[in-house]
Amino acid sequence: MFEEFFLRALLGGIGVALIAGPLGCFVVWRRMAYFGDALAHSALLGVALGFLLSIEPALGVLVAGAVLAVAFTFLQKQQRFAADTVLGLLAHSALALGLVALGFLDYLRIDLMGYLFGDVLALSWNDVVLIYVGAGVVLAGLLAIWRKLLAVTVEPELAQADGIHPLTIRLLFSLLLAVVVALAMQVVGVLLITALLIIPAAAARRFSSTPEQMAVLAALAGALSVALGLGGSFSFDTASGPSIVVAALLLFLGANGAAALLLRARS
């Protein structure tokens, strides 16, 4: 029935958005949007890896994302190349390798568009459960490193002087992002995952006075974007993943417009 598959899509999308929002705040604060793109590009290689090894594509995406996160952390530590150069190398190499690998799997019928732009309406109840289990793990991990991650984000030198290892915290955060990418792949697709991380966080920024407040508002903004996007997708017969991102964009524009009006009214 329509109600059931729409409910699965709504619950699955909200589950991803609720954890993508808080992580997206750190992506915005740390100016790591390009790293999010790199992880998203590696997802396609992970899909190919999953089919080649006869494992779940989501598990392959998680492995590929974890390898990229470790490789980026190691290469960045060497300081031989600029961070954006390393990310460009890893991101586009992973994307190209993934497309080439999928080309060798011509004996399989692979919905490439579904992986690129998502197919949230095809979620099963098992997928929804997996999303919430994964989101719970990521949330627990984020809460465990929250204060240390904030310290490393605001003042890495001072954090290191306090006994915090910035490299370890950055790596743990990158691994949490890799899990979210694996969870979000079917919701918005590998090409739009970064938008689900960044746009709700950016929308929440104007109305937040503390990091915790921004994280909560970003999660709520992401969940609202999913609900509005799926509603628009059904009403106008548009692709669900892009519709969710468009809804997030409209929410961002509306939030910034409202913030500007409030600021003008107070002055």
Foldseek 3Di string as FASTA:
>chain_A
DVVVLLVQLLLLQLLLLLLLQLLLLLCVLLVVLLVLLLLLLLLLLLQLVCVVVVHDSLVSSLVSLLVLLVVLLVVVVVVPDDSNVSSVVRRVVSNVNSVVSVVVVPVDDDPQVCQAFADSSPDDVVLSVVSNVLSVVLVVLCVVCVVLSVCCSPPVVVSVVVVRDSSVSSSSSSSSSSSSSSSCRRNTHSNCSSLSNHLLLLLLVLVDDDSVSSSNSSSVLSSVLLVQLSVVCVVVVDRSNVSSSVSSVVSSVVSVVVSVVVVVVVD
